[in-house]
Amino acid sequence: MRTLTLVVLTTMTLPAQAQTLQEPVLYASPADVTAAAARSKAAATLSAEVLVALPPFRVVVEHRGKPTPASVHERNNELINILSGAGTLIMGGTLNDEKRRDATNMTGTGINGGRSYALVKGSYVFIPAGMPHYFASIDKEGLVITSIYIPAVQ
């Protein structure tokens, strides 16, 4: 009953988001996480599979099989949890050859400066909005992560 009340109250307090939301996804079982990671791994390109979502918040799972281009999320903070695999994340500094990917994200060929973080199962990384970052290396098994996107306070 509390879950129903939460959904009703949240829908009432967020009318703009509620109009575009088909149905909130408030729970993901371990089997859901495993299935989403498998779908992401099988995708031809990087695929962020939504686990739970109540706009503007969402949690996704991704399988990353190779290093990724550097990027900046201008309006979202990102909290990453490493579920399996290992790699290295570079965070901070400035984007090299920056280009606009879409209305709220930039991409680049790398990062000038920044700090290197070793990623292993159980690690968490908080990437503030506007912070350049990229997965510089990923081990041969790949990296499975969950990311929670949190709107930045404007």
C-alpha atoms as a PDB file:
ATOM      1  CA  MET A   1       0.000   0.000   0.000  1.00  0.00           C
ATOM      2  CA  ARG A   2       2.883   2.404   0.714  1.00  0.00           C
ATOM      3  CA  THR A   3       4.274   1.874  -2.800  1.00  0.00           C
ATOM      4  CA  LEU A   4       0.921   2.786  -4.350  1.00  0.00           C
ATOM      5  CA  THR A   5       0.733   5.904  -2.209  1.00  0.00           C
ATOM      6  CA  LEU A   6       4.279   6.908  -3.197  1.00  0.00           C
ATOM      7  CA  VAL A   7       3.514   6.471  -6.891  1.00  0.00           C
ATOM      8  CA  VAL A   8       0.275   8.452  -6.608  1.00  0.00           C
ATOM      9  CA  LEU A   9       1.903  11.265  -4.625  1.00  0.00           C
ATOM     10  CA  THR A  10       4.905  11.389  -6.939  1.00  0.00           C
ATOM     11  CA  THR A  11       2.672  11.479  -9.995  1.00  0.00           C
ATOM     12  CA  MET A  12       0.648  14.264  -8.427  1.00  0.00           C
ATOM     13  CA  THR A  13       3.753  16.328  -7.617  1.00  0.00           C
ATOM     14  CA  LEU A  14       5.453  15.773 -10.978  1.00  0.00           C
ATOM     15  CA  PRO A  15       2.674  16.336 -13.533  1.00  0.00           C
ATOM     16  CA  ALA A  16       4.968  17.190 -16.466  1.00  0.00           C
ATOM     17  CA  GLN A  17       6.981  13.995 -16.079  1.00  0.00           C
ATOM     18  CA  ALA A  18       3.905  11.888 -15.323  1.00  0.00           C
ATOM     19  CA  GLN A  19       2.384  12.829 -18.674  1.00  0.00           C
ATOM     20  CA  THR A  20       5.318  11.373 -20.631  1.00  0.00           C
ATOM     21  CA  LEU A  21       5.812   8.361 -18.352  1.00  0.00           C
ATOM     22  CA  GLN A  22       4.004   5.211 -19.460  1.00  0.00           C
ATOM     23  CA  GLU A  23       4.459   3.418 -16.158  1.00  0.00           C
ATOM     24  CA  PRO A  24       7.153   3.909 -13.520  1.00  0.00           C
ATOM     25  CA  VAL A  25       9.555   1.029 -13.036  1.00  0.00           C
ATOM     26  CA  LEU A  26      10.238   0.905  -9.318  1.00  0.00           C
ATOM     27  CA  TYR A  27      11.899  -2.494  -8.868  1.00  0.00           C
ATOM     28  CA  ALA A  28      14.483  -4.638 -10.645  1.00  0.00           C
ATOM     29  CA  SER A  29      15.240  -8.143  -9.404  1.00  0.00           C
ATOM     30  CA  PRO A  30      18.694  -9.727  -9.679  1.00  0.00           C
ATOM     31  CA  ALA A  31      17.327 -11.684 -12.671  1.00  0.00           C
ATOM     32  CA  ASP A  32      16.227  -8.383 -14.293  1.00  0.00           C
ATOM     33  CA  VAL A  33      19.740  -6.975 -13.830  1.00  0.00           C
ATOM     34  CA  THR A  34      21.327 -10.100 -15.334  1.00  0.00           C
ATOM     35  CA  ALA A  35      18.942 -10.043 -18.320  1.00  0.00           C
ATOM     36  CA  ALA A  36      19.535  -6.321 -18.928  1.00  0.00           C
ATOM     37  CA  ALA A  37      23.324  -6.821 -18.803  1.00  0.00           C
ATOM     38  CA  ALA A  38      23.000  -9.671 -21.341  1.00  0.00           C
ATOM     39  CA  ARG A  39      20.904  -7.460 -23.665  1.00  0.00           C
ATOM     40  CA  SER A  40      23.482  -4.686 -23.384  1.00  0.00           C
ATOM     41  CA  LYS A  41      26.335  -7.100 -24.135  1.00  0.00           C
ATOM     42  CA  ALA A  42      24.485  -8.508 -27.177  1.00  0.00           C
ATOM     43  CA  ALA A  43      23.760  -5.064 -28.659  1.00  0.00           C
ATOM     44  CA  ALA A  44      25.754  -3.996 -31.703  1.00  0.00           C
ATOM     45  CA  THR A  45      26.538  -0.626 -30.085  1.00  0.00           C
ATOM     46  CA  LEU A  46      26.767   0.567 -26.494  1.00  0.00           C
ATOM     47  CA  SER A  47      23.322   0.044 -24.994  1.00  0.00           C
ATOM     48  CA  ALA A  48      22.118   1.441 -21.671  1.00  0.00           C
ATOM     49  CA  GLU A  49      19.300  -0.841 -20.510  1.00  0.00           C
ATOM     50  CA  VAL A  50      16.878   0.824 -18.096  1.00  0.00           C
ATOM     51  CA  LEU A  51      16.406  -1.049 -14.813  1.00  0.00           C
ATOM     52  CA  VAL A  52      14.294   1.361 -12.793  1.00  0.00           C
ATOM     53  CA  ALA A  53      12.947   4.767 -13.671  1.00  0.00           C
ATOM     54  CA  LEU A  54      10.782   7.492 -12.268  1.00  0.00           C
ATOM     55  CA  PRO A  55      11.588  10.612 -14.291  1.00  0.00           C
ATOM     56  CA  PRO A  56      13.726  12.525 -13.970  1.00  0.00           C
ATOM     57  CA  PHE A  57      15.610   9.665 -12.284  1.00  0.00           C
ATOM     58  CA  ARG A  58      16.746   6.452 -13.969  1.00  0.00           C
ATOM     59  CA  VAL A  59      19.092   3.572 -13.309  1.00  0.00           C
ATOM     60  CA  VAL A  60      20.632   1.730 -16.249  1.00  0.00           C
ATOM     61  CA  VAL A  61      22.918  -1.270 -16.677  1.00  0.00           C
ATOM     62  CA  GLU A  62      25.597  -1.307 -19.374  1.00  0.00           C
ATOM     63  CA  HIS A  63      28.108  -3.816 -20.638  1.00  0.00           C
ATOM     64  CA  ARG A  64      31.223  -2.054 -21.881  1.00  0.00           C
ATOM     65  CA  GLY A  65      33.478  -4.268 -23.957  1.00  0.00           C
ATOM     66  CA  LYS A  66      36.019  -1.657 -24.988  1.00  0.00           C
ATOM     67  CA  PRO A  67      37.227   1.818 -24.018  1.00  0.00           C
ATOM     68  CA  THR A  68      34.818   4.650 -24.754  1.00  0.00           C
ATOM     69  CA  PRO A  69      35.254   8.186 -26.064  1.00  0.00           C
ATOM     70  CA  ALA A  70      35.596  10.935 -23.495  1.00  0.00           C
ATOM     71  CA  SER A  71      32.385  12.708 -22.593  1.00  0.00           C
ATOM     72  CA  VAL A  72      30.790  15.386 -20.455  1.00  0.00           C
ATOM     73  CA  HIS A  73      27.197  15.238 -19.224  1.00  0.00           C
ATOM     74  CA  GLU A  74      26.335  18.888 -18.749  1.00  0.00           C
ATOM     75  CA  ARG A  75      23.050  18.481 -16.853  1.00  0.00           C
ATOM     76  CA  ASN A  76      23.375  15.134 -15.081  1.00  0.00           C
ATOM     77  CA  ASN A  77      25.551  13.825 -12.293  1.00  0.00           C
ATOM     78  CA  GLU A  78      26.341  10.130 -12.727  1.00  0.00           C
ATOM     79  CA  LEU A  79      26.835   7.555  -9.975  1.00  0.00           C
ATOM     80  CA  ILE A  80      28.451   4.371 -11.290  1.00  0.00           C
ATOM     81  CA  ASN A  81      28.668   0.999  -9.529  1.00  0.00           C
ATOM     82  CA  ILE A  82      30.903  -1.721 -10.955  1.00  0.00           C
ATOM     83  CA  LEU A  83      29.010  -5.044 -10.974  1.00  0.00           C
ATOM     84  CA  SER A  84      31.706  -7.110 -12.686  1.00  0.00           C
ATOM     85  CA  GLY A  85      34.924  -6.793 -14.629  1.00  0.00           C
ATOM     86  CA  ALA A  86      37.705  -4.273 -14.240  1.00  0.00           C
ATOM     87  CA  GLY A  87      39.089  -1.238 -15.997  1.00  0.00           C
ATOM     88  CA  THR A  88      40.315   2.305 -15.619  1.00  0.00           C
ATOM     89  CA  LEU A  89      38.302   5.520 -15.590  1.00  0.00           C
ATOM     90  CA  ILE A  90      39.942   8.882 -16.263  1.00  0.00           C
ATOM     91  CA  MET A  91      38.038  11.790 -14.739  1.00  0.00           C
ATOM     92  CA  GLY A  92      38.682  15.537 -14.623  1.00  0.00           C
ATOM     93  CA  GLY A  93      40.866  17.724 -16.816  1.00  0.00           C
ATOM     94  CA  THR A  94      39.554  19.060 -20.134  1.00  0.00           C
ATOM     95  CA  LEU A  95      38.136  17.372 -23.219  1.00  0.00           C
ATOM     96  CA  ASN A  96      40.399  17.095 -26.260  1.00  0.00           C
ATOM     97  CA  ASP A  97      38.772  18.010 -29.603  1.00  0.00           C
ATOM     98  CA  GLU A  98      35.401  18.577 -27.947  1.00  0.00           C
ATOM     99  CA  LYS A  99      32.268  18.277 -30.051  1.00  0.00           C
ATOM    100  CA  ARG A 100      28.608  18.525 -29.187  1.00  0.00           C
ATOM    101  CA  ARG A 101      26.980  15.074 -29.184  1.00  0.00           C
ATOM    102  CA  ASP A 102      23.489  16.343 -28.372  1.00  0.00           C
ATOM    103  CA  ALA A 103      21.776  19.185 -26.498  1.00  0.00           C
ATOM    104  CA  THR A 104      23.228  18.210 -23.101  1.00  0.00           C
ATOM    105  CA  ASN A 105      26.364  16.153 -23.805  1.00  0.00           C
ATOM    106  CA  MET A 106      29.823  16.770 -25.224  1.00  0.00           C
ATOM    107  CA  THR A 107      32.292  14.209 -26.532  1.00  0.00           C
ATOM    108  CA  GLY A 108      36.004  14.287 -27.305  1.00  0.00           C
ATOM    109  CA  THR A 109      38.993  12.203 -28.333  1.00  0.00           C
ATOM    110  CA  GLY A 110      40.432  12.084 -24.821  1.00  0.00           C
ATOM    111  CA  ILE A 111      41.149  14.136 -21.730  1.00  0.00           C
ATOM    112  CA  ASN A 112      44.014  16.497 -21.028  1.00  0.00           C
ATOM    113  CA  GLY A 113      44.932  16.019 -17.387  1.00  0.00           C
ATOM    114  CA  GLY A 114      42.477  14.295 -15.102  1.00  0.00           C
ATOM    115  CA  ARG A 115      42.925  11.523 -12.580  1.00  0.00           C
ATOM    116  CA  SER A 116      42.995   7.767 -13.119  1.00  0.00           C
ATOM    117  CA  TYR A 117      40.725   5.492 -11.044  1.00  0.00           C
ATOM    118  CA  ALA A 118      41.003   1.692 -10.926  1.00  0.00           C
ATOM    119  CA  LEU A 119      37.595   0.102 -11.382  1.00  0.00           C
ATOM    120  CA  VAL A 120      36.874  -3.318  -9.846  1.00  0.00           C
ATOM    121  CA  LYS A 121      33.738  -5.122  -8.717  1.00  0.00           C
ATOM    122  CA  GLY A 122      32.131  -3.174  -5.902  1.00  0.00           C
ATOM    123  CA  SER A 123      33.691   0.200  -6.801  1.00  0.00           C
ATOM    124  CA  TYR A 124      31.567   3.339  -6.914  1.00  0.00           C
ATOM    125  CA  VAL A 125      32.390   6.514  -8.819  1.00  0.00           C
ATOM    126  CA  PHE A 126      30.509   9.811  -8.619  1.00  0.00           C
ATOM    127  CA  ILE A 127      30.929  11.992 -11.699  1.00  0.00           C
ATOM    128  CA  PRO A 128      29.632  15.532 -11.183  1.00  0.00           C
ATOM    129  CA  ALA A 129      27.778  17.212 -14.044  1.00  0.00           C
ATOM    130  CA  GLY A 130      30.270  18.991 -16.306  1.00  0.00           C
ATOM    131  CA  MET A 131      33.188  16.669 -15.401  1.00  0.00           C
ATOM    132  CA  PRO A 132      35.043  15.108 -18.375  1.00  0.00           C
ATOM    133  CA  HIS A 133      35.420  11.333 -18.055  1.00  0.00           C
ATOM    134  CA  TYR A 134      36.037   8.172 -20.035  1.00  0.00           C
ATOM    135  CA  PHE A 135      36.710   4.481 -19.661  1.00  0.00           C
ATOM    136  CA  ALA A 136      40.347   4.377 -20.764  1.00  0.00           C
ATOM    137  CA  SER A 137      40.816   0.620 -20.415  1.00  0.00           C
ATOM    138  CA  ILE A 138      38.554  -2.377 -19.912  1.00  0.00           C
ATOM    139  CA  ASP A 139      39.663  -5.937 -19.176  1.00  0.00           C
ATOM    140  CA  LYS A 140      39.015  -8.750 -21.664  1.00  0.00           C
ATOM    141  CA  GLU A 141      35.787  -9.892 -19.949  1.00  0.00           C
ATOM    142  CA  GLY A 142      34.339  -6.413 -20.239  1.00  0.00           C
ATOM    143  CA  LEU A 143      32.868  -4.197 -17.581  1.00  0.00           C
ATOM    144  CA  VAL A 144      29.271  -4.353 -16.317  1.00  0.00           C
ATOM    145  CA  ILE A 145      28.100  -1.208 -14.564  1.00  0.00           C
ATOM    146  CA  THR A 146      24.969   0.397 -13.248  1.00  0.00           C
ATOM    147  CA  SER A 147      24.641   4.144 -13.677  1.00  0.00           C
ATOM    148  CA  ILE A 148      22.236   6.375 -11.825  1.00  0.00           C
ATOM    149  CA  TYR A 149      21.667   9.692 -13.566  1.00  0.00           C
ATOM    150  CA  ILE A 150      20.869  12.492 -11.135  1.00  0.00           C
ATOM    151  CA  PRO A 151      19.826  15.889 -12.502  1.00  0.00           C
ATOM    152  CA  ALA A 152      22.238  18.611 -11.472  1.00  0.00           C
ATOM    153  CA  VAL A 153      20.862  21.462  -9.415  1.00  0.00           C
ATOM    154  CA  GLN A 154      20.713  24.442 -11.751  1.00  0.00           C
END
